[in-house]
Amino acid sequence: MTWHDSVPKVELHIHLEGAIPHEALFSLIQKYGGDPTVPDVSALVTRFEYRDFPQFIAAWSWKNQFLREYEDFAHIAELTARDMAGQGICYAEMFFSPSLFARRGLLVQELTRAVRAGLSRVPAIEIALIADLVRDYGPESEMGVLEQLGEVKDLGVVGIGIGGSEHEFPPAPFKQLYERARSLGFRTTAHAGEALGAQSIWDAVRELGAERIGHGTRAWEDPALVKYLVERQVPLEMCPVLNVRTRVVPSLSEHPIRRYYEAGMMVTVNTDDPRMLQTRLADEYRLLEEGCGFSRSDIRAVILSAIRASWLPEDRKAAMESDFRQDPAWGPDKA
């Protein structure tokens, strides 16, 4: 086991539906009649190779058809939590997508209960939930989903965000949705600056009041935005491997995460959809060291940023940071 595997970790941007272990997803495919394009697990892995971002979105949509029953969600939640705990991830804030499946007849409340039931089977890791609402469905539809989520907030649903087609649906129409979410006690994030440029990030922070930004990859296009993000210490939930494998950036060496870190932005590192991208959080850290000029001290600083950017209570953050610094894998200098 390498240092990158053993060092304690926090993850803030991972999608349950993109983290399903391949064997489990293949079993679900078989459960619902199979698919001739994926006769075995190796063919499924090949299916998760992308020439561009639209092909990635198409693969995301394709695999969702094999999640149909509440027990499917409990099952994948349990397996994903076990996978994460085995990587040394101690705490995570995980996206799940109730809107997608509510449109297919599942109840938001029951789906949330199923996910929590699966996560509860793995006490080795603490996972809070973030509902990933969908831009494409419009603010009125998603407001209804939000109200239903408010009924099950006590199941560890700590926040909401918006994903979907960033290039077609700007943030501003969702302003009231975000205001309502805050009134219900939810924290807020938003996918921005991945499929679109800096203006999308500006709109997420100014129009929506998002506390964190999912991705933020293209913030560099506006120096004023970079300055703003540094001064306000707006956390970025960055996912370098995703950006490279979906061709949002040409290569890891050209990814902006190093310049953001050096500029003083609060960057965190995450996997987004690890099994759809053949990555793990340990791999992301290793690639930062091998391809982006990060030292292990830098990586430890990024891990601490993830703790500080999390939505845990302040006393929990302080305790977790202390525990991490005392972990034998943290490093001899304890920095």
C-alpha atoms as a PDB file:
ATOM      1  CA  MET A   1       0.000   0.000   0.000  1.00  0.00           C
ATOM      2  CA  THR A   2       1.406   3.384  -0.995  1.00  0.00           C
ATOM      3  CA  TRP A   3       1.391   6.596   1.028  1.00  0.00           C
ATOM      4  CA  HIS A   4      -1.383   7.908  -1.226  1.00  0.00           C
ATOM      5  CA  ASP A   5      -3.522   4.912  -0.274  1.00  0.00           C
ATOM      6  CA  SER A   6      -2.890   5.031   3.453  1.00  0.00           C
ATOM      7  CA  VAL A   7      -3.067   8.762   4.187  1.00  0.00           C
ATOM      8  CA  PRO A   8      -6.462   9.647   5.735  1.00  0.00           C
ATOM      9  CA  LYS A   9      -8.754  11.445   3.302  1.00  0.00           C
ATOM     10  CA  VAL A  10     -11.903  13.526   2.892  1.00  0.00           C
ATOM     11  CA  GLU A  11     -13.939  13.708  -0.313  1.00  0.00           C
ATOM     12  CA  LEU A  12     -16.481  16.423  -1.117  1.00  0.00           C
ATOM     13  CA  HIS A  13     -17.467  15.758  -4.741  1.00  0.00           C
ATOM     14  CA  ILE A  14     -18.391  12.201  -5.630  1.00  0.00           C
ATOM     15  CA  HIS A  15     -21.583  11.022  -7.320  1.00  0.00           C
ATOM     16  CA  LEU A  16     -23.107   7.822  -5.996  1.00  0.00           C
ATOM     17  CA  GLU A  17     -24.404   6.808  -9.423  1.00  0.00           C
ATOM     18  CA  GLY A  18     -20.921   7.227 -10.933  1.00  0.00           C
ATOM     19  CA  ALA A  19     -19.165   5.280  -8.184  1.00  0.00           C
ATOM     20  CA  ILE A  20     -20.881   1.898  -8.601  1.00  0.00           C
ATOM     21  CA  PRO A  21     -18.269  -0.892  -8.637  1.00  0.00           C
ATOM     22  CA  HIS A  22     -18.130  -2.437 -12.111  1.00  0.00           C
ATOM     23  CA  GLU A  23     -19.101  -5.913 -10.956  1.00  0.00           C
ATOM     24  CA  ALA A  24     -22.152  -4.542  -9.138  1.00  0.00           C
ATOM     25  CA  LEU A  25     -23.239  -2.510 -12.143  1.00  0.00           C
ATOM     26  CA  PHE A  26     -22.823  -5.512 -14.431  1.00  0.00           C
ATOM     27  CA  SER A  27     -25.036  -7.533 -12.073  1.00  0.00           C
ATOM     28  CA  LEU A  28     -27.693  -4.827 -12.263  1.00  0.00           C
ATOM     29  CA  ILE A  29     -27.488  -4.859 -16.057  1.00  0.00           C
ATOM     30  CA  GLN A  30     -28.080  -8.607 -15.988  1.00  0.00           C
ATOM     31  CA  LYS A  31     -30.905  -8.196 -13.490  1.00  0.00           C
ATOM     32  CA  TYR A  32     -32.764  -5.989 -15.946  1.00  0.00           C
ATOM     33  CA  GLY A  33     -32.324  -8.072 -19.074  1.00  0.00           C
ATOM     34  CA  GLY A  34     -28.731  -7.415 -20.080  1.00  0.00           C
ATOM     35  CA  ASP A  35     -27.260  -5.251 -22.805  1.00  0.00           C
ATOM     36  CA  PRO A  36     -25.636  -6.819 -25.880  1.00  0.00           C
ATOM     37  CA  THR A  37     -22.990  -4.084 -25.941  1.00  0.00           C
ATOM     38  CA  VAL A  38     -21.640  -5.204 -22.557  1.00  0.00           C
ATOM     39  CA  PRO A  39     -21.427  -9.017 -22.541  1.00  0.00           C
ATOM     40  CA  ASP A  40     -18.974  -8.995 -19.628  1.00  0.00           C
ATOM     41  CA  VAL A  41     -17.306  -6.712 -17.079  1.00  0.00           C
ATOM     42  CA  SER A  42     -14.336  -5.967 -19.336  1.00  0.00           C
ATOM     43  CA  ALA A  43     -16.701  -4.668 -22.016  1.00  0.00           C
ATOM     44  CA  LEU A  44     -18.343  -2.472 -19.379  1.00  0.00           C
ATOM     45  CA  VAL A  45     -14.969  -0.976 -18.494  1.00  0.00           C
ATOM     46  CA  THR A  46     -14.362  -0.267 -22.186  1.00  0.00           C
ATOM     47  CA  ARG A  47     -17.739   1.460 -22.377  1.00  0.00           C
ATOM     48  CA  PHE A  48     -16.433   3.938 -19.809  1.00  0.00           C
ATOM     49  CA  GLU A  49     -13.814   5.410 -22.144  1.00  0.00           C
ATOM     50  CA  TYR A  50     -14.599   8.803 -23.649  1.00  0.00           C
ATOM     51  CA  ARG A  51     -13.554  10.916 -26.585  1.00  0.00           C
ATOM     52  CA  ASP A  52     -15.241  14.039 -25.153  1.00  0.00           C
ATOM     53  CA  PHE A  53     -17.572  15.362 -22.449  1.00  0.00           C
ATOM     54  CA  PRO A  54     -20.840  14.635 -24.354  1.00  0.00           C
ATOM     55  CA  GLN A  55     -19.878  10.964 -24.627  1.00  0.00           C
ATOM     56  CA  PHE A  56     -19.284  10.898 -20.886  1.00  0.00           C
ATOM     57  CA  ILE A  57     -22.767  12.354 -20.290  1.00  0.00           C
ATOM     58  CA  ALA A  58     -24.234   9.758 -22.663  1.00  0.00           C
ATOM     59  CA  ALA A  59     -22.578   6.953 -20.676  1.00  0.00           C
ATOM     60  CA  TRP A  60     -23.880   8.494 -17.440  1.00  0.00           C
ATOM     61  CA  SER A  61     -27.435   8.461 -18.785  1.00  0.00           C
ATOM     62  CA  TRP A  62     -27.099   4.943 -20.212  1.00  0.00           C
ATOM     63  CA  LYS A  63     -26.125   3.294 -16.934  1.00  0.00           C
ATOM     64  CA  ASN A  64     -28.942   4.996 -15.002  1.00  0.00           C
ATOM     65  CA  GLN A  65     -31.532   2.791 -16.727  1.00  0.00           C
ATOM     66  CA  PHE A  66     -30.293  -0.129 -14.627  1.00  0.00           C
ATOM     67  CA  LEU A  67     -31.212   1.553 -11.325  1.00  0.00           C
ATOM     68  CA  ARG A  68     -34.918   0.895 -10.927  1.00  0.00           C
ATOM     69  CA  GLU A  69     -35.777  -0.266  -7.421  1.00  0.00           C
ATOM     70  CA  TYR A  70     -35.107   1.158  -3.968  1.00  0.00           C
ATOM     71  CA  GLU A  71     -33.023  -1.877  -3.059  1.00  0.00           C
ATOM     72  CA  ASP A  72     -30.760  -1.153  -6.037  1.00  0.00           C
ATOM     73  CA  PHE A  73     -29.857   2.136  -4.371  1.00  0.00           C
ATOM     74  CA  ALA A  74     -29.342   0.591  -0.958  1.00  0.00           C
ATOM     75  CA  HIS A  75     -27.080  -2.016  -2.561  1.00  0.00           C
ATOM     76  CA  ILE A  76     -24.897   0.395  -4.521  1.00  0.00           C
ATOM     77  CA  ALA A  77     -24.688   2.774  -1.546  1.00  0.00           C
ATOM     78  CA  GLU A  78     -23.370  -0.019   0.661  1.00  0.00           C
ATOM     79  CA  LEU A  79     -20.815  -1.211  -1.897  1.00  0.00           C
ATOM     80  CA  THR A  80     -19.638   2.313  -2.670  1.00  0.00           C
ATOM     81  CA  ALA A  81     -19.210   3.102   1.029  1.00  0.00           C
ATOM     82  CA  ARG A  82     -17.164  -0.092   1.492  1.00  0.00           C
ATOM     83  CA  ASP A  83     -15.010   0.837  -1.484  1.00  0.00           C
ATOM     84  CA  MET A  84     -14.390   4.326  -0.081  1.00  0.00           C
ATOM     85  CA  ALA A  85     -13.653   3.119   3.439  1.00  0.00           C
ATOM     86  CA  GLY A  86     -11.099   0.708   1.984  1.00  0.00           C
ATOM     87  CA  GLN A  87      -9.247   3.664   0.466  1.00  0.00           C
ATOM     88  CA  GLY A  88      -8.789   5.446   3.782  1.00  0.00           C
ATOM     89  CA  ILE A  89     -11.578   7.957   3.146  1.00  0.00           C
ATOM     90  CA  CYS A  90     -12.851   8.840   6.622  1.00  0.00           C
ATOM     91  CA  TYR A  91     -15.554  11.341   5.708  1.00  0.00           C
ATOM     92  CA  ALA A  92     -17.359  12.226   2.482  1.00  0.00           C
ATOM     93  CA  GLU A  93     -20.145  14.431   1.223  1.00  0.00           C
ATOM     94  CA  MET A  94     -21.717  12.455  -1.593  1.00  0.00           C
ATOM     95  CA  PHE A  95     -24.044  13.590  -4.344  1.00  0.00           C
ATOM     96  CA  PHE A  96     -27.080  11.540  -5.250  1.00  0.00           C
ATOM     97  CA  SER A  97     -29.620  12.325  -7.962  1.00  0.00           C
ATOM     98  CA  PRO A  98     -33.226  11.976  -6.726  1.00  0.00           C
ATOM     99  CA  SER A  99     -34.706  14.059  -9.566  1.00  0.00           C
ATOM    100  CA  LEU A 100     -33.584  11.602 -12.229  1.00  0.00           C
ATOM    101  CA  PHE A 101     -35.335   8.682 -10.630  1.00  0.00           C
ATOM    102  CA  ALA A 102     -38.392  10.525  -9.337  1.00  0.00           C
ATOM    103  CA  ARG A 103     -39.235  11.041 -13.009  1.00  0.00           C
ATOM    104  CA  ARG A 104     -39.197   7.264 -13.375  1.00  0.00           C
ATOM    105  CA  GLY A 105     -41.693   6.691 -10.585  1.00  0.00           C
ATOM    106  CA  LEU A 106     -39.572   6.451  -7.439  1.00  0.00           C
ATOM    107  CA  LEU A 107     -40.442   8.600  -4.429  1.00  0.00           C
ATOM    108  CA  VAL A 108     -37.746  11.071  -3.382  1.00  0.00           C
ATOM    109  CA  GLN A 109     -38.222  10.301   0.297  1.00  0.00           C
ATOM    110  CA  GLU A 110     -38.062   6.529  -0.144  1.00  0.00           C
ATOM    111  CA  LEU A 111     -35.068   6.734  -2.455  1.00  0.00           C
ATOM    112  CA  THR A 112     -33.238   8.827   0.147  1.00  0.00           C
ATOM    113  CA  ARG A 113     -34.125   6.306   2.847  1.00  0.00           C
ATOM    114  CA  ALA A 114     -32.778   3.496   0.675  1.00  0.00           C
ATOM    115  CA  VAL A 115     -29.469   5.272   0.095  1.00  0.00           C
ATOM    116  CA  ARG A 116     -29.096   6.001   3.793  1.00  0.00           C
ATOM    117  CA  ALA A 117     -29.935   2.386   4.671  1.00  0.00           C
ATOM    118  CA  GLY A 118     -27.121   1.178   2.425  1.00  0.00           C
ATOM    119  CA  LEU A 119     -24.614   3.685   3.793  1.00  0.00           C
ATOM    120  CA  SER A 120     -25.547   2.757   7.361  1.00  0.00           C
ATOM    121  CA  ARG A 121     -24.356  -0.794   6.752  1.00  0.00           C
ATOM    122  CA  VAL A 122     -20.763   0.535   6.632  1.00  0.00           C
ATOM    123  CA  PRO A 123     -19.923   2.192   9.965  1.00  0.00           C
ATOM    124  CA  ALA A 124     -16.245   2.539   9.004  1.00  0.00           C
ATOM    125  CA  ILE A 125     -16.976   5.729   7.062  1.00  0.00           C
ATOM    126  CA  GLU A 126     -19.249   8.715   7.648  1.00  0.00           C
ATOM    127  CA  ILE A 127     -21.043   9.904   4.513  1.00  0.00           C
ATOM    128  CA  ALA A 128     -23.331  12.923   4.333  1.00  0.00           C
ATOM    129  CA  LEU A 129     -25.571  13.405   1.301  1.00  0.00           C
ATOM    130  CA  ILE A 130     -25.967  16.260  -1.162  1.00  0.00           C
ATOM    131  CA  ALA A 131     -28.929  16.219  -3.538  1.00  0.00           C
ATOM    132  CA  ASP A 132     -27.755  16.950  -7.065  1.00  0.00           C
ATOM    133  CA  LEU A 133     -30.710  18.734  -8.655  1.00  0.00           C
ATOM    134  CA  VAL A 134     -30.915  18.974 -12.435  1.00  0.00           C
ATOM    135  CA  ARG A 135     -30.780  22.225 -14.385  1.00  0.00           C
ATOM    136  CA  ASP A 136     -32.442  20.649 -17.395  1.00  0.00           C
ATOM    137  CA  TYR A 137     -35.709  20.040 -15.516  1.00  0.00           C
ATOM    138  CA  GLY A 138     -36.193  23.699 -14.616  1.00  0.00           C
ATOM    139  CA  PRO A 139     -36.572  25.490 -11.276  1.00  0.00           C
ATOM    140  CA  GLU A 140     -40.264  24.728 -10.748  1.00  0.00           C
ATOM    141  CA  SER A 141     -39.833  20.982 -11.070  1.00  0.00           C
ATOM    142  CA  GLU A 142     -36.741  20.967  -8.875  1.00  0.00           C
ATOM    143  CA  MET A 143     -38.476  23.104  -6.246  1.00  0.00           C
ATOM    144  CA  GLY A 144     -40.905  20.221  -5.780  1.00  0.00           C
ATOM    145  CA  VAL A 145     -38.013  17.798  -5.296  1.00  0.00           C
ATOM    146  CA  LEU A 146     -36.429  20.204  -2.810  1.00  0.00           C
ATOM    147  CA  GLU A 147     -39.585  20.320  -0.698  1.00  0.00           C
ATOM    148  CA  GLN A 148     -39.655  16.528  -0.584  1.00  0.00           C
ATOM    149  CA  LEU A 149     -35.999  16.462   0.434  1.00  0.00           C
ATOM    150  CA  GLY A 150     -36.854  18.789   3.293  1.00  0.00           C
ATOM    151  CA  GLU A 151     -38.987  15.980   4.724  1.00  0.00           C
ATOM    152  CA  VAL A 152     -35.996  13.624   4.952  1.00  0.00           C
ATOM    153  CA  LYS A 153     -33.262  16.100   5.812  1.00  0.00           C
ATOM    154  CA  ASP A 154     -32.700  14.236   9.073  1.00  0.00           C
ATOM    155  CA  LEU A 155     -31.324  11.308   7.064  1.00  0.00           C
ATOM    156  CA  GLY A 156     -28.064  13.190   6.700  1.00  0.00           C
ATOM    157  CA  VAL A 157     -28.941  15.248   3.630  1.00  0.00           C
ATOM    158  CA  VAL A 158     -26.779  18.288   4.339  1.00  0.00           C
ATOM    159  CA  GLY A 159     -26.924  20.215   1.083  1.00  0.00           C
ATOM    160  CA  ILE A 160     -28.055  20.679  -2.490  1.00  0.00           C
ATOM    161  CA  GLY A 161     -26.371  21.490  -5.773  1.00  0.00           C
ATOM    162  CA  ILE A 162     -27.270  21.719  -9.433  1.00  0.00           C
ATOM    163  CA  GLY A 163     -25.760  19.610 -12.173  1.00  0.00           C
ATOM    164  CA  GLY A 164     -26.900  18.847 -15.684  1.00  0.00           C
ATOM    165  CA  SER A 165     -26.328  20.784 -18.892  1.00  0.00           C
ATOM    166  CA  GLU A 166     -24.373  23.785 -17.693  1.00  0.00           C
ATOM    167  CA  HIS A 167     -23.936  25.101 -21.249  1.00  0.00           C
ATOM    168  CA  GLU A 168     -27.711  25.241 -21.841  1.00  0.00           C
ATOM    169  CA  PHE A 169     -29.178  26.207 -18.477  1.00  0.00           C
ATOM    170  CA  PRO A 170     -27.548  29.144 -16.623  1.00  0.00           C
ATOM    171  CA  PRO A 171     -27.778  29.446 -12.834  1.00  0.00           C
ATOM    172  CA  ALA A 172     -29.843  32.647 -12.429  1.00  0.00           C
ATOM    173  CA  PRO A 173     -33.336  31.061 -12.792  1.00  0.00           C
ATOM    174  CA  PHE A 174     -32.552  28.856  -9.792  1.00  0.00           C
ATOM    175  CA  LYS A 175     -32.020  31.782  -7.401  1.00  0.00           C
ATOM    176  CA  GLN A 176     -35.313  31.219  -5.551  1.00  0.00           C
ATOM    177  CA  LEU A 177     -34.595  27.506  -5.321  1.00  0.00           C
ATOM    178  CA  TYR A 178     -31.331  28.245  -3.540  1.00  0.00           C
ATOM    179  CA  GLU A 179     -32.969  30.743  -1.229  1.00  0.00           C
ATOM    180  CA  ARG A 180     -35.590  28.149  -0.320  1.00  0.00           C
ATOM    181  CA  ALA A 181     -32.893  25.522   0.222  1.00  0.00           C
ATOM    182  CA  ARG A 182     -31.135  27.777   2.708  1.00  0.00           C
ATOM    183  CA  SER A 183     -34.403  28.480   4.508  1.00  0.00           C
ATOM    184  CA  LEU A 184     -34.801  24.704   4.924  1.00  0.00           C
ATOM    185  CA  GLY A 185     -31.332  24.476   6.442  1.00  0.00           C
ATOM    186  CA  PHE A 186     -29.446  23.055   3.450  1.00  0.00           C
ATOM    187  CA  ARG A 187     -25.922  24.117   2.506  1.00  0.00           C
ATOM    188  CA  THR A 188     -25.284  24.940  -1.148  1.00  0.00           C
ATOM    189  CA  THR A 189     -22.862  24.138  -3.941  1.00  0.00           C
ATOM    190  CA  ALA A 190     -23.154  24.299  -7.732  1.00  0.00           C
ATOM    191  CA  HIS A 191     -21.457  22.664 -10.689  1.00  0.00           C
ATOM    192  CA  ALA A 192     -19.889  25.551 -12.612  1.00  0.00           C
ATOM    193  CA  GLY A 193     -16.901  26.345 -14.786  1.00  0.00           C
ATOM    194  CA  GLU A 194     -16.663  22.917 -16.391  1.00  0.00           C
ATOM    195  CA  ALA A 195     -18.705  23.014 -19.608  1.00  0.00           C
ATOM    196  CA  LEU A 196     -18.781  26.819 -19.555  1.00  0.00           C
ATOM    197  CA  GLY A 197     -16.299  29.510 -18.622  1.00  0.00           C
ATOM    198  CA  ALA A 198     -15.796  32.032 -15.853  1.00  0.00           C
ATOM    199  CA  GLN A 199     -19.216  33.679 -16.160  1.00  0.00           C
ATOM    200  CA  SER A 200     -20.887  30.474 -15.058  1.00  0.00           C
ATOM    201  CA  ILE A 201     -18.869  30.578 -11.832  1.00  0.00           C
ATOM    202  CA  TRP A 202     -19.659  34.249 -11.300  1.00  0.00           C
ATOM    203  CA  ASP A 203     -23.359  33.465 -11.653  1.00  0.00           C
ATOM    204  CA  ALA A 204     -23.137  30.570  -9.207  1.00  0.00           C
ATOM    205  CA  VAL A 205     -21.622  32.730  -6.474  1.00  0.00           C
ATOM    206  CA  ARG A 206     -23.477  35.968  -7.189  1.00  0.00           C
ATOM    207  CA  GLU A 207     -26.911  34.784  -8.309  1.00  0.00           C
ATOM    208  CA  LEU A 208     -27.180  31.580  -6.295  1.00  0.00           C
ATOM    209  CA  GLY A 209     -24.952  32.405  -3.357  1.00  0.00           C
ATOM    210  CA  ALA A 210     -23.298  28.995  -3.685  1.00  0.00           C
ATOM    211  CA  GLU A 211     -20.892  28.331  -0.826  1.00  0.00           C
ATOM    212  CA  ARG A 212     -18.729  25.957  -2.854  1.00  0.00           C
ATOM    213  CA  ILE A 213     -18.117  25.466  -6.555  1.00  0.00           C
ATOM    214  CA  GLY A 214     -18.114  22.045  -8.163  1.00  0.00           C
ATOM    215  CA  HIS A 215     -15.135  22.002 -10.541  1.00  0.00           C
ATOM    216  CA  GLY A 216     -14.339  25.680 -11.268  1.00  0.00           C
ATOM    217  CA  THR A 217     -11.900  24.433 -13.883  1.00  0.00           C
ATOM    218  CA  ARG A 218     -12.180  27.518 -16.091  1.00  0.00           C
ATOM    219  CA  ALA A 219     -11.941  30.216 -13.430  1.00  0.00           C
ATOM    220  CA  TRP A 220      -8.519  31.147 -14.834  1.00  0.00           C
ATOM    221  CA  GLU A 221     -10.242  32.776 -17.835  1.00  0.00           C
ATOM    222  CA  ASP A 222     -11.066  35.822 -15.662  1.00  0.00           C
ATOM    223  CA  PRO A 223      -8.298  37.209 -13.409  1.00  0.00           C
ATOM    224  CA  ALA A 224     -10.904  39.191 -11.456  1.00  0.00           C
ATOM    225  CA  LEU A 225     -12.691  35.942 -10.648  1.00  0.00           C
ATOM    226  CA  VAL A 226      -9.447  34.317  -9.536  1.00  0.00           C
ATOM    227  CA  LYS A 227      -8.848  37.262  -7.215  1.00  0.00           C
ATOM    228  CA  TYR A 228     -12.404  37.009  -5.866  1.00  0.00           C
ATOM    229  CA  LEU A 229     -12.122  33.266  -5.193  1.00  0.00           C
ATOM    230  CA  VAL A 230      -8.811  33.769  -3.396  1.00  0.00           C
ATOM    231  CA  GLU A 231     -10.044  36.671  -1.275  1.00  0.00           C
ATOM    232  CA  ARG A 232     -13.316  34.972  -0.323  1.00  0.00           C
ATOM    233  CA  GLN A 233     -11.720  31.527   0.004  1.00  0.00           C
ATOM    234  CA  VAL A 234     -14.574  29.946  -1.938  1.00  0.00           C
ATOM    235  CA  PRO A 235     -13.807  26.215  -1.942  1.00  0.00           C
ATOM    236  CA  LEU A 236     -13.416  24.524  -5.316  1.00  0.00           C
ATOM    237  CA  GLU A 237     -14.389  20.849  -5.564  1.00  0.00           C
ATOM    238  CA  MET A 238     -11.859  19.984  -8.261  1.00  0.00           C
ATOM    239  CA  CYS A 239     -11.762  16.668 -10.157  1.00  0.00           C
ATOM    240  CA  PRO A 240      -8.574  16.594 -12.282  1.00  0.00           C
ATOM    241  CA  VAL A 241      -8.832  13.072 -13.708  1.00  0.00           C
ATOM    242  CA  LEU A 242     -12.411  13.704 -14.835  1.00  0.00           C
ATOM    243  CA  ASN A 243     -11.360  16.875 -16.640  1.00  0.00           C
ATOM    244  CA  VAL A 244      -8.569  15.082 -18.493  1.00  0.00           C
ATOM    245  CA  ARG A 245     -10.566  11.978 -19.420  1.00  0.00           C
ATOM    246  CA  THR A 246     -13.519  14.006 -20.706  1.00  0.00           C
ATOM    247  CA  ARG A 247     -11.124  16.311 -22.626  1.00  0.00           C
ATOM    248  CA  VAL A 248     -12.139  19.451 -20.747  1.00  0.00           C
ATOM    249  CA  VAL A 249      -8.389  19.991 -20.365  1.00  0.00           C
ATOM    250  CA  PRO A 250      -5.845  18.465 -22.760  1.00  0.00           C
ATOM    251  CA  SER A 251      -3.596  16.826 -20.168  1.00  0.00           C
ATOM    252  CA  LEU A 252      -2.884  16.658 -16.469  1.00  0.00           C
ATOM    253  CA  SER A 253       0.177  18.883 -16.855  1.00  0.00           C
ATOM    254  CA  GLU A 254      -2.078  21.570 -18.336  1.00  0.00           C
ATOM    255  CA  HIS A 255      -4.702  21.342 -15.613  1.00  0.00           C
ATOM    256  CA  PRO A 256      -5.090  24.646 -13.733  1.00  0.00           C
ATOM    257  CA  ILE A 257      -5.134  23.114 -10.250  1.00  0.00           C
ATOM    258  CA  ARG A 258      -1.454  23.884  -9.590  1.00  0.00           C
ATOM    259  CA  ARG A 259      -1.777  27.548 -10.512  1.00  0.00           C
ATOM    260  CA  TYR A 260      -4.944  27.802  -8.415  1.00  0.00           C
ATOM    261  CA  TYR A 261      -3.151  26.301  -5.424  1.00  0.00           C
ATOM    262  CA  GLU A 262      -0.186  28.613  -5.853  1.00  0.00           C
ATOM    263  CA  ALA A 263      -2.526  31.607  -6.185  1.00  0.00           C
ATOM    264  CA  GLY A 264      -4.005  30.792  -2.792  1.00  0.00           C
ATOM    265  CA  MET A 265      -7.381  29.380  -3.821  1.00  0.00           C
ATOM    266  CA  MET A 266      -9.016  26.840  -1.514  1.00  0.00           C
ATOM    267  CA  VAL A 267      -8.757  23.787  -3.745  1.00  0.00           C
ATOM    268  CA  THR A 268      -9.968  20.324  -2.808  1.00  0.00           C
ATOM    269  CA  VAL A 269      -9.394  17.167  -4.831  1.00  0.00           C
ATOM    270  CA  ASN A 270     -12.117  14.667  -5.601  1.00  0.00           C
ATOM    271  CA  THR A 271     -13.014  11.835  -7.981  1.00  0.00           C
ATOM    272  CA  ASP A 272     -16.506  12.875  -9.225  1.00  0.00           C
ATOM    273  CA  ASP A 273     -17.427   9.510 -10.810  1.00  0.00           C
ATOM    274  CA  PRO A 274     -14.560   7.205  -9.851  1.00  0.00           C
ATOM    275  CA  ARG A 275     -15.729   3.931 -11.382  1.00  0.00           C
ATOM    276  CA  MET A 276     -16.802   5.623 -14.611  1.00  0.00           C
ATOM    277  CA  LEU A 277     -13.323   7.163 -14.791  1.00  0.00           C
ATOM    278  CA  GLN A 278     -11.237   4.245 -13.483  1.00  0.00           C
ATOM    279  CA  THR A 279      -9.822   6.422 -10.714  1.00  0.00           C
ATOM    280  CA  ARG A 280      -9.644   6.508  -6.921  1.00  0.00           C
ATOM    281  CA  LEU A 281      -8.920   9.373  -4.555  1.00  0.00           C
ATOM    282  CA  ALA A 282      -5.487   7.856  -3.889  1.00  0.00           C
ATOM    283  CA  ASP A 283      -4.833   7.929  -7.654  1.00  0.00           C
ATOM    284  CA  GLU A 284      -5.791  11.604  -7.815  1.00  0.00           C
ATOM    285  CA  TYR A 285      -3.238  12.417  -5.106  1.00  0.00           C
ATOM    286  CA  ARG A 286      -0.543  10.321  -6.767  1.00  0.00           C
ATOM    287  CA  LEU A 287      -1.112  12.084 -10.088  1.00  0.00           C
ATOM    288  CA  LEU A 288      -0.902  15.484  -8.387  1.00  0.00           C
ATOM    289  CA  GLU A 289       2.556  14.478  -7.213  1.00  0.00           C
ATOM    290  CA  GLU A 290       3.684  12.881 -10.465  1.00  0.00           C
ATOM    291  CA  GLY A 291       2.131  15.239 -12.993  1.00  0.00           C
ATOM    292  CA  CYS A 292       1.310  18.558 -11.347  1.00  0.00           C
ATOM    293  CA  GLY A 293       4.305  19.336  -9.161  1.00  0.00           C
ATOM    294  CA  PHE A 294       2.593  18.812  -5.812  1.00  0.00           C
ATOM    295  CA  SER A 295       4.740  17.716  -2.882  1.00  0.00           C
ATOM    296  CA  ARG A 296       3.340  15.521  -0.150  1.00  0.00           C
ATOM    297  CA  SER A 297       3.232  18.572   2.075  1.00  0.00           C
ATOM    298  CA  ASP A 298       1.082  20.256  -0.586  1.00  0.00           C
ATOM    299  CA  ILE A 299      -1.201  17.221  -0.718  1.00  0.00           C
ATOM    300  CA  ARG A 300      -1.603  17.284   3.051  1.00  0.00           C
ATOM    301  CA  ALA A 301      -2.576  20.953   2.767  1.00  0.00           C
ATOM    302  CA  VAL A 302      -5.194  20.052   0.152  1.00  0.00           C
ATOM    303  CA  ILE A 303      -6.600  17.357   2.459  1.00  0.00           C
ATOM    304  CA  LEU A 304      -6.841  19.883   5.288  1.00  0.00           C
ATOM    305  CA  SER A 305      -8.629  22.270   2.919  1.00  0.00           C
ATOM    306  CA  ALA A 306     -11.199  19.543   2.284  1.00  0.00           C
ATOM    307  CA  ILE A 307     -11.826  19.217   6.016  1.00  0.00           C
ATOM    308  CA  ARG A 308     -12.196  22.984   6.377  1.00  0.00           C
ATOM    309  CA  ALA A 309     -14.454  23.232   3.307  1.00  0.00           C
ATOM    310  CA  SER A 310     -16.717  20.434   4.532  1.00  0.00           C
ATOM    311  CA  TRP A 311     -20.103  21.105   6.094  1.00  0.00           C
ATOM    312  CA  LEU A 312     -19.259  19.460   9.372  1.00  0.00           C
ATOM    313  CA  PRO A 313     -19.669  21.521  12.565  1.00  0.00           C
ATOM    314  CA  GLU A 314     -16.550  23.496  13.455  1.00  0.00           C
ATOM    315  CA  ASP A 315     -15.714  21.330  16.461  1.00  0.00           C
ATOM    316  CA  ARG A 316     -15.877  18.207  14.309  1.00  0.00           C
ATOM    317  CA  LYS A 317     -13.557  19.790  11.755  1.00  0.00           C
ATOM    318  CA  ALA A 318     -11.018  20.670  14.445  1.00  0.00           C
ATOM    319  CA  ALA A 319     -11.151  17.162  15.890  1.00  0.00           C
ATOM    320  CA  MET A 320     -10.764  15.554  12.458  1.00  0.00           C
ATOM    321  CA  GLU A 321      -7.800  17.757  11.580  1.00  0.00           C
ATOM    322  CA  SER A 322      -6.124  16.818  14.867  1.00  0.00           C
ATOM    323  CA  ASP A 323      -6.765  13.124  14.247  1.00  0.00           C
ATOM    324  CA  PHE A 324      -5.365  13.326  10.724  1.00  0.00           C
ATOM    325  CA  ARG A 325      -2.202  15.062  11.892  1.00  0.00           C
ATOM    326  CA  GLN A 326      -1.623  12.293  14.432  1.00  0.00           C
ATOM    327  CA  ASP A 327      -2.194   9.460  11.962  1.00  0.00           C
ATOM    328  CA  PRO A 328       1.014   7.474  11.309  1.00  0.00           C
ATOM    329  CA  ALA A 329       0.494   7.838   7.554  1.00  0.00           C
ATOM    330  CA  TRP A 330       0.257  11.617   7.704  1.00  0.00           C
ATOM    331  CA  GLY A 331       4.023  11.971   7.594  1.00  0.00           C
ATOM    332  CA  PRO A 332       7.005  12.416   9.909  1.00  0.00           C
ATOM    333  CA  ASP A 333       6.799  16.226   9.898  1.00  0.00           C
ATOM    334  CA  LYS A 334       3.059  16.219  10.762  1.00  0.00           C
ATOM    335  CA  ALA A 335       2.682  19.363   8.623  1.00  0.00           C
END
